[in-house]
């Protein structure tokens, strides 16, 4: 799957009125720096960081979600998001191994 396809899926989640911000938050929580780079590219906003700008971004694109208290809900995950989540987890493990050597792979 290409990065463009991932960006397109995230863009649709961000701009979709019927999609809550929960899936985006969950993905961004796994790697906030990467999420910041992705949204900086997606939005054409140099200097965007998830840690500083992510919540404002979600509130700007999903005002209806934040206008009233939310009840607990189940969030369905599409195949594209599940695959992206899996790929991010694999990259995280590989980065950890590269940073800490082979023994770290066995502990992860």
PDB file of N, CA and C in Angstrom:
ATOM      1  N   UNK A   1       0.847  -1.173   0.000  1.00  0.00           N
ATOM      2  CA  UNK A   1       0.000   0.000   0.000  1.00  0.00           C
ATOM      3  C   UNK A   1       0.897   1.242   0.000  1.00  0.00           C
ATOM      4  N   UNK A   2       0.554   2.228  -0.781  1.00  0.00           N
ATOM      5  CA  UNK A   2       1.387   3.413  -0.894  1.00  0.00           C
ATOM      6  C   UNK A   2       1.071   4.409   0.215  1.00  0.00           C
ATOM      7  N   UNK A   3       2.035   5.258   0.486  1.00  0.00           N
ATOM      8  CA  UNK A   3       1.831   6.305   1.485  1.00  0.00           C
ATOM      9  C   UNK A   3       0.711   7.247   1.064  1.00  0.00           C
ATOM     10  N   UNK A   4       0.579   7.474  -0.243  1.00  0.00           N
ATOM     11  CA  UNK A   4      -0.489   8.350  -0.727  1.00  0.00           C
ATOM     12  C   UNK A   4      -1.855   7.789  -0.349  1.00  0.00           C
ATOM     13  N   UNK A   5      -1.997   6.487  -0.398  1.00  0.00           N
ATOM     14  CA  UNK A   5      -3.277   5.869  -0.024  1.00  0.00           C
ATOM     15  C   UNK A   5      -3.557   6.071   1.465  1.00  0.00           C
ATOM     16  N   UNK A   6      -2.513   5.931   2.294  1.00  0.00           N
ATOM     17  CA  UNK A   6      -2.674   6.186   3.724  1.00  0.00           C
ATOM     18  C   UNK A   6      -3.086   7.638   3.963  1.00  0.00           C
ATOM     19  N   UNK A   7      -2.378   8.556   3.297  1.00  0.00           N
ATOM     20  CA  UNK A   7      -2.705   9.977   3.469  1.00  0.00           C
ATOM     21  C   UNK A   7      -4.131  10.271   3.032  1.00  0.00           C
ATOM     22  N   UNK A   8      -4.559   9.642   1.947  1.00  0.00           N
ATOM     23  CA  UNK A   8      -5.932   9.836   1.475  1.00  0.00           C
ATOM     24  C   UNK A   8      -6.936   9.329   2.508  1.00  0.00           C
ATOM     25  N   UNK A   9      -6.661   8.179   3.086  1.00  0.00           N
ATOM     26  CA  UNK A   9      -7.567   7.628   4.104  1.00  0.00           C
ATOM     27  C   UNK A   9      -7.630   8.549   5.317  1.00  0.00           C
ATOM     28  N   UNK A  10      -6.487   9.021   5.779  1.00  0.00           N
ATOM     29  CA  UNK A  10      -6.459   9.925   6.929  1.00  0.00           C
ATOM     30  C   UNK A  10      -7.175  11.228   6.597  1.00  0.00           C
ATOM     31  N   UNK A  11      -6.979  11.734   5.399  1.00  0.00           N
ATOM     32  CA  UNK A  11      -7.652  12.955   4.973  1.00  0.00           C
ATOM     33  C   UNK A  11      -9.171  12.784   4.993  1.00  0.00           C
ATOM     34  N   UNK A  12      -9.640  11.641   4.503  1.00  0.00           N
ATOM     35  CA  UNK A  12     -11.080  11.380   4.526  1.00  0.00           C
ATOM     36  C   UNK A  12     -11.601  11.270   5.953  1.00  0.00           C
ATOM     37  N   UNK A  13     -10.833  10.650   6.844  1.00  0.00           N
ATOM     38  CA  UNK A  13     -11.235  10.563   8.252  1.00  0.00           C
ATOM     39  C   UNK A  13     -11.291  11.959   8.863  1.00  0.00           C
ATOM     40  N   UNK A  14     -10.301  12.786   8.569  1.00  0.00           N
ATOM     41  CA  UNK A  14     -10.264  14.134   9.132  1.00  0.00           C
ATOM     42  C   UNK A  14     -11.429  14.983   8.633  1.00  0.00           C
ATOM     43  N   UNK A  15     -11.711  14.896   7.357  1.00  0.00           N
ATOM     44  CA  UNK A  15     -12.727  15.757   6.756  1.00  0.00           C
ATOM     45  C   UNK A  15     -14.140  15.172   6.791  1.00  0.00           C
ATOM     46  N   UNK A  16     -14.267  13.895   7.103  1.00  0.00           N
ATOM     47  CA  UNK A  16     -15.570  13.247   7.128  1.00  0.00           C
ATOM     48  C   UNK A  16     -16.401  13.682   8.319  1.00  0.00           C
ATOM     49  N   UNK A  17     -17.587  14.203   8.045  1.00  0.00           N
ATOM     50  CA  UNK A  17     -18.461  14.695   9.108  1.00  0.00           C
ATOM     51  C   UNK A  17     -18.946  13.582  10.027  1.00  0.00           C
ATOM     52  N   UNK A  18     -19.100  12.395   9.511  1.00  0.00           N
ATOM     53  CA  UNK A  18     -19.666  11.317  10.312  1.00  0.00           C
ATOM     54  C   UNK A  18     -18.604  10.506  11.067  1.00  0.00           C
ATOM     55  N   UNK A  19     -17.331  10.852  10.895  1.00  0.00           N
ATOM     56  CA  UNK A  19     -16.251  10.111  11.536  1.00  0.00           C
ATOM     57  C   UNK A  19     -15.771  10.879  12.764  1.00  0.00           C
ATOM     58  N   UNK A  20     -15.727  10.198  13.896  1.00  0.00           N
ATOM     59  CA  UNK A  20     -15.240  10.843  15.115  1.00  0.00           C
ATOM     60  C   UNK A  20     -13.722  11.012  15.035  1.00  0.00           C
ATOM     61  N   UNK A  21     -13.158  11.860  15.882  1.00  0.00           N
ATOM     62  CA  UNK A  21     -11.703  12.026  15.882  1.00  0.00           C
ATOM     63  C   UNK A  21     -10.966  10.888  16.588  1.00  0.00           C
ATOM     64  N   UNK A  22     -11.679   9.953  17.162  1.00  0.00           N
ATOM     65  CA  UNK A  22     -11.056   8.882  17.953  1.00  0.00           C
ATOM     66  C   UNK A  22     -10.037   8.068  17.150  1.00  0.00           C
ATOM     67  N   UNK A  23     -10.344   7.601  15.940  1.00  0.00           N
ATOM     68  CA  UNK A  23      -9.326   6.818  15.214  1.00  0.00           C
ATOM     69  C   UNK A  23      -8.055   7.616  14.937  1.00  0.00           C
ATOM     70  N   UNK A  24      -8.204   8.892  14.625  1.00  0.00           N
ATOM     71  CA  UNK A  24      -7.028   9.725  14.368  1.00  0.00           C
ATOM     72  C   UNK A  24      -6.228   9.899  15.648  1.00  0.00           C
ATOM     73  N   UNK A  25      -6.900  10.163  16.749  1.00  0.00           N
ATOM     74  CA  UNK A  25      -6.208  10.294  18.030  1.00  0.00           C
ATOM     75  C   UNK A  25      -5.438   9.022  18.374  1.00  0.00           C
ATOM     76  N   UNK A  26      -6.067   7.885  18.165  1.00  0.00           N
ATOM     77  CA  UNK A  26      -5.411   6.614  18.500  1.00  0.00           C
ATOM     78  C   UNK A  26      -4.158   6.381  17.663  1.00  0.00           C
ATOM     79  N   UNK A  27      -4.255   6.671  16.377  1.00  0.00           N
ATOM     80  CA  UNK A  27      -3.076   6.514  15.524  1.00  0.00           C
ATOM     81  C   UNK A  27      -1.984   7.510  15.910  1.00  0.00           C
ATOM     82  N   UNK A  28      -2.371   8.736  16.154  1.00  0.00           N
ATOM     83  CA  UNK A  28      -1.391   9.770  16.506  1.00  0.00           C
ATOM     84  C   UNK A  28      -0.725   9.473  17.844  1.00  0.00           C
ATOM     85  N   UNK A  29      -1.439   8.871  18.762  1.00  0.00           N
ATOM     86  CA  UNK A  29      -0.876   8.550  20.072  1.00  0.00           C
ATOM     87  C   UNK A  29       0.274   7.549  19.967  1.00  0.00           C
ATOM     88  N   UNK A  30       0.233   6.705  18.957  1.00  0.00           N
ATOM     89  CA  UNK A  30       1.296   5.700  18.787  1.00  0.00           C
ATOM     90  C   UNK A  30       2.615   6.333  18.365  1.00  0.00           C
ATOM     91  N   UNK A  31       2.546   7.401  17.567  1.00  0.00           N
ATOM     92  CA  UNK A  31       3.763   8.061  17.107  1.00  0.00           C
ATOM     93  C   UNK A  31       3.438   9.522  16.794  1.00  0.00           C
ATOM     94  N   UNK A  32       3.393  10.373  17.824  1.00  0.00           N
ATOM     95  CA  UNK A  32       2.999  11.776  17.621  1.00  0.00           C
ATOM     96  C   UNK A  32       3.905  12.532  16.644  1.00  0.00           C
ATOM     97  N   UNK A  33       5.188  12.224  16.632  1.00  0.00           N
ATOM     98  CA  UNK A  33       6.080  12.925  15.713  1.00  0.00           C
ATOM     99  C   UNK A  33       5.738  12.599  14.260  1.00  0.00           C
ATOM    100  N   UNK A  34       5.501  11.329  13.987  1.00  0.00           N
ATOM    101  CA  UNK A  34       5.135  10.930  12.627  1.00  0.00           C
ATOM    102  C   UNK A  34       3.773  11.522  12.247  1.00  0.00           C
ATOM    103  N   UNK A  35       2.842  11.531  13.193  1.00  0.00           N
ATOM    104  CA  UNK A  35       1.529  12.131  12.925  1.00  0.00           C
ATOM    105  C   UNK A  35       1.688  13.606  12.583  1.00  0.00           C
ATOM    106  N   UNK A  36       2.560  14.292  13.290  1.00  0.00           N
ATOM    107  CA  UNK A  36       2.808  15.700  12.994  1.00  0.00           C
ATOM    108  C   UNK A  36       3.345  15.900  11.589  1.00  0.00           C
ATOM    109  N   UNK A  37       4.283  15.048  11.199  1.00  0.00           N
ATOM    110  CA  UNK A  37       4.833  15.154   9.835  1.00  0.00           C
ATOM    111  C   UNK A  37       3.757  14.861   8.786  1.00  0.00           C
ATOM    112  N   UNK A  38       2.944  13.843   9.056  1.00  0.00           N
ATOM    113  CA  UNK A  38       1.895  13.480   8.107  1.00  0.00           C
ATOM    114  C   UNK A  38       0.917  14.637   7.917  1.00  0.00           C
ATOM    115  N   UNK A  39       0.445  15.225   9.026  1.00  0.00           N
ATOM    116  CA  UNK A  39      -0.516  16.314   8.902  1.00  0.00           C
ATOM    117  C   UNK A  39       0.124  17.587   8.362  1.00  0.00           C
ATOM    118  N   UNK A  40       1.388  17.823   8.662  1.00  0.00           N
ATOM    119  CA  UNK A  40       2.085  18.970   8.077  1.00  0.00           C
ATOM    120  C   UNK A  40       2.098  18.856   6.560  1.00  0.00           C
ATOM    121  N   UNK A  41       2.374  17.655   6.062  1.00  0.00           N
ATOM    122  CA  UNK A  41       2.374  17.405   4.619  1.00  0.00           C
ATOM    123  C   UNK A  41       0.965  17.476   4.054  1.00  0.00           C
ATOM    124  N   UNK A  42       0.043  16.797   4.709  1.00  0.00           N
ATOM    125  CA  UNK A  42      -1.336  16.726   4.238  1.00  0.00           C
ATOM    126  C   UNK A  42      -1.969  18.114   4.135  1.00  0.00           C
ATOM    127  N   UNK A  43      -1.691  18.958   5.121  1.00  0.00           N
ATOM    128  CA  UNK A  43      -2.315  20.272   5.182  1.00  0.00           C
ATOM    129  C   UNK A  43      -1.463  21.378   4.576  1.00  0.00           C
ATOM    130  N   UNK A  44      -0.219  21.046   4.216  1.00  0.00           N
ATOM    131  CA  UNK A  44       0.680  22.072   3.688  1.00  0.00           C
ATOM    132  C   UNK A  44       1.031  23.105   4.743  1.00  0.00           C
ATOM    133  N   UNK A  45       1.166  22.662   5.992  1.00  0.00           N
ATOM    134  CA  UNK A  45       1.453  23.571   7.106  1.00  0.00           C
ATOM    135  C   UNK A  45       2.806  23.216   7.726  1.00  0.00           C
ATOM    136  N   UNK A  46       3.844  23.874   7.237  1.00  0.00           N
ATOM    137  CA  UNK A  46       5.174  23.655   7.806  1.00  0.00           C
ATOM    138  C   UNK A  46       5.143  24.049   9.276  1.00  0.00           C
ATOM    139  N   UNK A  47       5.837  23.297  10.080  1.00  0.00           N
ATOM    140  CA  UNK A  47       5.904  23.605  11.499  1.00  0.00           C
ATOM    141  C   UNK A  47       4.773  22.997  12.313  1.00  0.00           C
ATOM    142  N   UNK A  48       3.836  22.324  11.645  1.00  0.00           N
ATOM    143  CA  UNK A  48       2.747  21.668  12.371  1.00  0.00           C
ATOM    144  C   UNK A  48       3.329  20.528  13.189  1.00  0.00           C
ATOM    145  N   UNK A  49       2.948  20.446  14.458  1.00  0.00           N
ATOM    146  CA  UNK A  49       3.305  19.299  15.287  1.00  0.00           C
ATOM    147  C   UNK A  49       2.031  18.774  15.922  1.00  0.00           C
ATOM    148  N   UNK A  50       1.940  17.457  16.042  1.00  0.00           N
ATOM    149  CA  UNK A  50       0.741  16.872  16.638  1.00  0.00           C
ATOM    150  C   UNK A  50       0.606  17.310  18.091  1.00  0.00           C
ATOM    151  N   UNK A  51       1.723  17.322  18.808  1.00  0.00           N
ATOM    152  CA  UNK A  51       1.679  17.655  20.220  1.00  0.00           C
ATOM    153  C   UNK A  51       1.114  19.056  20.460  1.00  0.00           C
ATOM    154  N   UNK A  52       1.463  20.013  19.630  1.00  0.00           N
ATOM    155  CA  UNK A  52       1.011  21.390  19.816  1.00  0.00           C
ATOM    156  C   UNK A  52      -0.266  21.721  19.054  1.00  0.00           C
ATOM    157  N   UNK A  53      -0.456  21.121  17.891  1.00  0.00           N
ATOM    158  CA  UNK A  53      -1.525  21.533  16.992  1.00  0.00           C
ATOM    159  C   UNK A  53      -2.618  20.501  16.748  1.00  0.00           C
ATOM    160  N   UNK A  54      -2.400  19.257  17.190  1.00  0.00           N
ATOM    161  CA  UNK A  54      -3.336  18.178  16.872  1.00  0.00           C
ATOM    162  C   UNK A  54      -4.738  18.394  17.410  1.00  0.00           C
ATOM    163  N   UNK A  55      -4.847  18.783  18.665  1.00  0.00           N
ATOM    164  CA  UNK A  55      -6.179  18.965  19.258  1.00  0.00           C
ATOM    165  C   UNK A  55      -6.938  20.090  18.563  1.00  0.00           C
ATOM    166  N   UNK A  56      -6.265  21.199  18.274  1.00  0.00           N
ATOM    167  CA  UNK A  56      -6.913  22.313  17.567  1.00  0.00           C
ATOM    168  C   UNK A  56      -7.357  21.883  16.169  1.00  0.00           C
ATOM    169  N   UNK A  57      -6.547  21.072  15.510  1.00  0.00           N
ATOM    170  CA  UNK A  57      -6.910  20.561  14.187  1.00  0.00           C
ATOM    171  C   UNK A  57      -8.201  19.747  14.261  1.00  0.00           C
ATOM    172  N   UNK A  58      -8.263  18.833  15.218  1.00  0.00           N
ATOM    173  CA  UNK A  58      -9.466  18.011  15.363  1.00  0.00           C
ATOM    174  C   UNK A  58     -10.679  18.859  15.696  1.00  0.00           C
ATOM    175  N   UNK A  59     -10.523  19.821  16.569  1.00  0.00           N
ATOM    176  CA  UNK A  59     -11.653  20.688  16.944  1.00  0.00           C
ATOM    177  C   UNK A  59     -12.128  21.536  15.757  1.00  0.00           C
ATOM    178  N   UNK A  60     -11.183  21.958  14.910  1.00  0.00           N
ATOM    179  CA  UNK A  60     -11.555  22.767  13.743  1.00  0.00           C
ATOM    180  C   UNK A  60     -12.303  21.937  12.708  1.00  0.00           C
ATOM    181  N   UNK A  61     -11.901  20.686  12.525  1.00  0.00           N
ATOM    182  CA  UNK A  61     -12.513  19.838  11.499  1.00  0.00           C
ATOM    183  C   UNK A  61     -13.704  19.028  12.001  1.00  0.00           C
ATOM    184  N   UNK A  62     -13.861  18.922  13.313  1.00  0.00           N
ATOM    185  CA  UNK A  62     -14.929  18.096  13.881  1.00  0.00           C
ATOM    186  C   UNK A  62     -15.666  18.852  14.985  1.00  0.00           C
ATOM    187  N   UNK A  63     -16.157  20.058  14.687  1.00  0.00           N
ATOM    188  CA  UNK A  63     -16.798  20.852  15.752  1.00  0.00           C
ATOM    189  C   UNK A  63     -18.023  20.165  16.351  1.00  0.00           C
ATOM    190  N   UNK A  64     -18.766  19.426  15.562  1.00  0.00           N
ATOM    191  CA  UNK A  64     -19.951  18.739  16.066  1.00  0.00           C
ATOM    192  C   UNK A  64     -19.625  17.704  17.126  1.00  0.00           C
ATOM    193  N   UNK A  65     -18.484  17.087  17.006  1.00  0.00           N
ATOM    194  CA  UNK A  65     -18.070  16.074  17.970  1.00  0.00           C
ATOM    195  C   UNK A  65     -17.811  16.703  19.341  1.00  0.00           C
ATOM    196  N   UNK A  66     -17.272  17.917  19.326  1.00  0.00           N
ATOM    197  CA  UNK A  66     -16.885  18.573  20.568  1.00  0.00           C
ATOM    198  C   UNK A  66     -17.977  19.464  21.144  1.00  0.00           C
ATOM    199  N   UNK A  67     -19.093  19.624  20.436  1.00  0.00           N
ATOM    200  CA  UNK A  67     -20.134  20.549  20.890  1.00  0.00           C
ATOM    201  C   UNK A  67     -21.039  19.977  21.970  1.00  0.00           C
ATOM    202  N   UNK A  68     -20.981  18.679  22.189  1.00  0.00           N
ATOM    203  CA  UNK A  68     -21.821  18.073  23.223  1.00  0.00           C
ATOM    204  C   UNK A  68     -21.071  16.922  23.880  1.00  0.00           C
ATOM    205  N   UNK A  69     -21.492  16.548  25.091  1.00  0.00           N
ATOM    206  CA  UNK A  69     -20.819  15.424  25.756  1.00  0.00           C
ATOM    207  C   UNK A  69     -20.946  14.148  24.926  1.00  0.00           C
ATOM    208  N   UNK A  70     -19.905  13.351  24.937  1.00  0.00           N
ATOM    209  CA  UNK A  70     -19.900  12.107  24.171  1.00  0.00           C
ATOM    210  C   UNK A  70     -20.215  10.938  25.085  1.00  0.00           C
ATOM    211  N   UNK A  71     -21.044  10.055  24.614  1.00  0.00           N
ATOM    212  CA  UNK A  71     -21.323   8.813  25.311  1.00  0.00           C
ATOM    213  C   UNK A  71     -20.327   7.763  24.852  1.00  0.00           C
ATOM    214  N   UNK A  72     -20.044   6.775  25.680  1.00  0.00           N
ATOM    215  CA  UNK A  72     -19.131   5.715  25.229  1.00  0.00           C
ATOM    216  C   UNK A  72     -19.640   5.086  23.941  1.00  0.00           C
ATOM    217  N   UNK A  73     -18.719   4.780  23.067  1.00  0.00           N
ATOM    218  CA  UNK A  73     -19.093   4.209  21.769  1.00  0.00           C
ATOM    219  C   UNK A  73     -18.019   3.239  21.300  1.00  0.00           C
ATOM    220  N   UNK A  74     -18.388   2.471  20.342  1.00  0.00           N
ATOM    221  CA  UNK A  74     -17.479   1.542  19.685  1.00  0.00           C
ATOM    222  C   UNK A  74     -17.002   2.214  18.403  1.00  0.00           C
ATOM    223  N   UNK A  75     -15.717   2.147  18.114  1.00  0.00           N
ATOM    224  CA  UNK A  75     -15.177   2.762  16.913  1.00  0.00           C
ATOM    225  C   UNK A  75     -14.773   1.679  15.928  1.00  0.00           C
ATOM    226  N   UNK A  76     -15.507   1.541  14.819  1.00  0.00           N
ATOM    227  CA  UNK A  76     -15.105   0.546  13.831  1.00  0.00           C
ATOM    228  C   UNK A  76     -13.811   0.991  13.149  1.00  0.00           C
ATOM    229  N   UNK A  77     -12.962   0.031  12.866  1.00  0.00           N
ATOM    230  CA  UNK A  77     -11.696   0.314  12.212  1.00  0.00           C
ATOM    231  C   UNK A  77     -11.729  -0.329  10.833  1.00  0.00           C
ATOM    232  N   UNK A  78     -11.493   0.486   9.817  1.00  0.00           N
ATOM    233  CA  UNK A  78     -11.489  -0.038   8.453  1.00  0.00           C
ATOM    234  C   UNK A  78     -10.217  -0.844   8.223  1.00  0.00           C
ATOM    235  N   UNK A  79     -10.208  -1.610   7.168  1.00  0.00           N
ATOM    236  CA  UNK A  79      -9.037  -2.408   6.815  1.00  0.00           C
ATOM    237  C   UNK A  79      -7.824  -1.517   6.566  1.00  0.00           C
ATOM    238  N   UNK A  80      -8.028  -0.358   5.963  1.00  0.00           N
ATOM    239  CA  UNK A  80      -6.916   0.556   5.678  1.00  0.00           C
ATOM    240  C   UNK A  80      -6.292   1.047   6.983  1.00  0.00           C
ATOM    241  N   UNK A  81      -7.119   1.446   7.943  1.00  0.00           N
ATOM    242  CA  UNK A  81      -6.602   1.932   9.219  1.00  0.00           C
ATOM    243  C   UNK A  81      -5.937   0.794   9.989  1.00  0.00           C
ATOM    244  N   UNK A  82      -6.526  -0.396   9.972  1.00  0.00           N
ATOM    245  CA  UNK A  82      -5.923  -1.546  10.651  1.00  0.00           C
ATOM    246  C   UNK A  82      -4.563  -1.874  10.050  1.00  0.00           C
ATOM    247  N   UNK A  83      -4.452  -1.808   8.729  1.00  0.00           N
ATOM    248  CA  UNK A  83      -3.176  -2.086   8.071  1.00  0.00           C
ATOM    249  C   UNK A  83      -2.149  -1.012   8.413  1.00  0.00           C
ATOM    250  N   UNK A  84      -2.568   0.241   8.428  1.00  0.00           N
ATOM    251  CA  UNK A  84      -1.675   1.334   8.788  1.00  0.00           C
ATOM    252  C   UNK A  84      -1.189   1.152  10.227  1.00  0.00           C
ATOM    253  N   UNK A  85      -2.094   0.804  11.125  1.00  0.00           N
ATOM    254  CA  UNK A  85      -1.738   0.580  12.521  1.00  0.00           C
ATOM    255  C   UNK A  85      -0.707  -0.550  12.626  1.00  0.00           C
ATOM    256  N   UNK A  86      -0.935  -1.627  11.903  1.00  0.00           N
ATOM    257  CA  UNK A  86       0.000  -2.757  11.908  1.00  0.00           C
ATOM    258  C   UNK A  86       1.356  -2.337  11.366  1.00  0.00           C
ATOM    259  N   UNK A  87       1.363  -1.600  10.248  1.00  0.00           N
ATOM    260  CA  UNK A  87       2.620  -1.158   9.650  1.00  0.00           C
ATOM    261  C   UNK A  87       3.392  -0.242  10.593  1.00  0.00           C
ATOM    262  N   UNK A  88       2.677   0.654  11.283  1.00  0.00           N
ATOM    263  CA  UNK A  88       3.333   1.546  12.238  1.00  0.00           C
ATOM    264  C   UNK A  88       3.946   0.758  13.388  1.00  0.00           C
ATOM    265  N   UNK A  89       3.235  -0.253  13.861  1.00  0.00           N
ATOM    266  CA  UNK A  89       3.755  -1.090  14.941  1.00  0.00           C
ATOM    267  C   UNK A  89       5.027  -1.816  14.489  1.00  0.00           C
ATOM    268  N   UNK A  90       5.029  -2.343  13.266  1.00  0.00           N
ATOM    269  CA  UNK A  90       6.201  -3.041  12.746  1.00  0.00           C
ATOM    270  C   UNK A  90       7.386  -2.088  12.613  1.00  0.00           C
ATOM    271  N   UNK A  91       7.131  -0.870  12.134  1.00  0.00           N
ATOM    272  CA  UNK A  91       8.206   0.115  12.004  1.00  0.00           C
ATOM    273  C   UNK A  91       8.736   0.500  13.376  1.00  0.00           C
ATOM    274  N   UNK A  92       7.845   0.601  14.351  1.00  0.00           N
ATOM    275  CA  UNK A  92       8.263   0.928  15.714  1.00  0.00           C
ATOM    276  C   UNK A  92       9.200  -0.158  16.254  1.00  0.00           C
ATOM    277  N   UNK A  93       8.862  -1.411  16.042  1.00  0.00           N
ATOM    278  CA  UNK A  93       9.695  -2.519  16.491  1.00  0.00           C
ATOM    279  C   UNK A  93      11.042  -2.468  15.780  1.00  0.00           C
ATOM    280  N   UNK A  94      11.043  -2.243  14.474  1.00  0.00           N
ATOM    281  CA  UNK A  94      12.294  -2.181  13.716  1.00  0.00           C
ATOM    282  C   UNK A  94      13.161  -1.020  14.188  1.00  0.00           C
ATOM    283  N   UNK A  95      12.554   0.144  14.435  1.00  0.00           N
ATOM    284  CA  UNK A  95      13.305   1.305  14.928  1.00  0.00           C
ATOM    285  C   UNK A  95      13.917   0.990  16.288  1.00  0.00           C
ATOM    286  N   UNK A  96      13.150   0.318  17.139  1.00  0.00           N
ATOM    287  CA  UNK A  96      13.631  -0.043  18.472  1.00  0.00           C
ATOM    288  C   UNK A  96      14.829  -0.985  18.373  1.00  0.00           C
ATOM    289  N   UNK A  97      14.750  -1.943  17.470  1.00  0.00           N
ATOM    290  CA  UNK A  97      15.844  -2.900  17.279  1.00  0.00           C
ATOM    291  C   UNK A  97      17.083  -2.175  16.777  1.00  0.00           C
ATOM    292  N   UNK A  98      16.906  -1.266  15.825  1.00  0.00           N
ATOM    293  CA  UNK A  98      18.046  -0.528  15.286  1.00  0.00           C
ATOM    294  C   UNK A  98      18.693   0.342  16.361  1.00  0.00           C
ATOM    295  N   UNK A  99      17.873   0.923  17.229  1.00  0.00           N
ATOM    296  CA  UNK A  99      18.400   1.801  18.275  1.00  0.00           C
ATOM    297  C   UNK A  99      19.066   1.032  19.410  1.00  0.00           C
ATOM    298  N   UNK A 100      18.585  -0.193  19.693  1.00  0.00           N
ATOM    299  CA  UNK A 100      19.022  -0.904  20.883  1.00  0.00           C
ATOM    300  C   UNK A 100      19.659  -2.263  20.620  1.00  0.00           C
ATOM    301  N   UNK A 101      19.817  -2.635  19.401  1.00  0.00           N
ATOM    302  CA  UNK A 101      20.481  -3.889  19.077  1.00  0.00           C
ATOM    303  C   UNK A 101      19.555  -5.079  19.042  1.00  0.00           C
ATOM    304  N   UNK A 102      20.103  -6.232  18.675  1.00  0.00           N
ATOM    305  CA  UNK A 102      19.336  -7.460  18.466  1.00  0.00           C
ATOM    306  C   UNK A 102      18.637  -7.943  19.727  1.00  0.00           C
ATOM    307  N   UNK A 103      19.275  -7.820  20.894  1.00  0.00           N
ATOM    308  CA  UNK A 103      18.662  -8.303  22.128  1.00  0.00           C
ATOM    309  C   UNK A 103      17.343  -7.615  22.417  1.00  0.00           C
ATOM    310  N   UNK A 104      17.213  -6.357  22.008  1.00  0.00           N
ATOM    311  CA  UNK A 104      15.969  -5.624  22.252  1.00  0.00           C
ATOM    312  C   UNK A 104      14.812  -6.242  21.493  1.00  0.00           C
ATOM    313  N   UNK A 105      15.098  -6.836  20.311  1.00  0.00           N
ATOM    314  CA  UNK A 105      14.030  -7.451  19.510  1.00  0.00           C
ATOM    315  C   UNK A 105      13.358  -8.577  20.283  1.00  0.00           C
ATOM    316  N   UNK A 106      14.129  -9.308  21.046  1.00  0.00           N
ATOM    317  CA  UNK A 106      13.575 -10.416  21.800  1.00  0.00           C
ATOM    318  C   UNK A 106      12.726  -9.931  22.966  1.00  0.00           C
ATOM    319  N   UNK A 107      13.010  -8.739  23.486  1.00  0.00           N
ATOM    320  CA  UNK A 107      12.243  -8.202  24.615  1.00  0.00           C
ATOM    321  C   UNK A 107      10.982  -7.500  24.164  1.00  0.00           C
ATOM    322  N   UNK A 108      10.902  -7.041  22.908  1.00  0.00           N
ATOM    323  CA  UNK A 108       9.762  -6.269  22.420  1.00  0.00           C
ATOM    324  C   UNK A 108       8.564  -7.146  22.242  1.00  0.00           C
TER     325      UNK A 108
END
